[in-house]
């Protein structure tokens, strides 16, 4: 196959979908790799390293999209101001795309429709199931590790207070209170990082197993009062809860959020919109100078008033809504991401070409558009189709 790796165009996105190491692996597998000039610079992988690994450096990204059978990206397709066209419109019928599409998120619905109309076969990395044989393909877990660590570091930078207990000549300053909502991979990394910085940590999750893991890291548990038979879906994932159960969660959180200095939000339901856990009135209850980091924003966000893609201040509270936190650790996150993408591609390729197997849970879970229509269940549900 001809594999194309364009430079990411999202603001402040420094990651890239392939490293010189994975390019060398693709070439050894018999593929040709096209890399847009400068694609790896933000992650400190220069063009010369890609060329040494066997890649062809392409000056014009339109040529890359035109020639490639498979496009590897980090973030969802966007409008490329440099060439005056949307990345989807640079693609052609029958072309494969592997990236984070987040198809259930409302901001991506038009792009997903465009993908189907253009005949692109979209494969989303956030759909990779958490099963043992897919672990080395699971970019969502890798990026969640990065987001959990870096998200807390960003909160520390924005917070108007010290995080650890500080003793000085005029007295002592109490440590910051940090609440992590959603204690999956990102949440657990956030708890561990906050603890290392000296915070008092709290955790909330509707799943008992996730709460136990958070507690093992030293977090105090905020009981949301949701029984496992309602909160836990197949495979141990969180189930979307609505109505009185969702309000019960919010009431439990409302009682504690006003006492928190940092709230880290990472509650997700696979393939669906993120639940709104923190309402506007809860944000109002927080002390000025506090910080919310909403890493669920790619799937709509856990906070009712997070502004997608930017850092904002509302009611004196800094709300981080940026969509590429792992991009602030570009070398480490790119190394992890590129390996995940290589392993997934190798799984999909049979006899030198991608051959999707509808009976394989990995293939079935990642397919968003099949070259003709939208087939992703979460996207169809979110679109009301």
Foldseek 3Di string as FASTA:
>chain_A
DEEEWEADDFPLFQATQAALVLLLVCVVVPYAYEYEAPNNVSLPRHPVSNVVSHHHYDDDVLVRQVPGQEYEGADAWQQDPVVRGTPLVSHAANREYEYAQLLLAPVRVVVLFSNQVRLYWYFHLLLFDPDDVLVLQNLVLLQLLLCLQLVLVVQCVQFPDQQAWDQDPVGIDHHFEEEEEAQDSSSQSNLLNSVVSHHQYEYEYLAPVSQVSNVVSPHHYQYLPHDCVQFADPPRAGDDDDDPSLVSNLVSCLVPLLRGQEYEYDRDGRLAAGAQNAEPVSVLSHDQRGEYEFQSVSRPTNHPPADAQAWDADNNYIYHRRHRSSSVNHNSSNVSSNSSNSVVVVVQDDPRRGDADCVDSRSVRGTQHRSNDGDRPNSCVSVVD
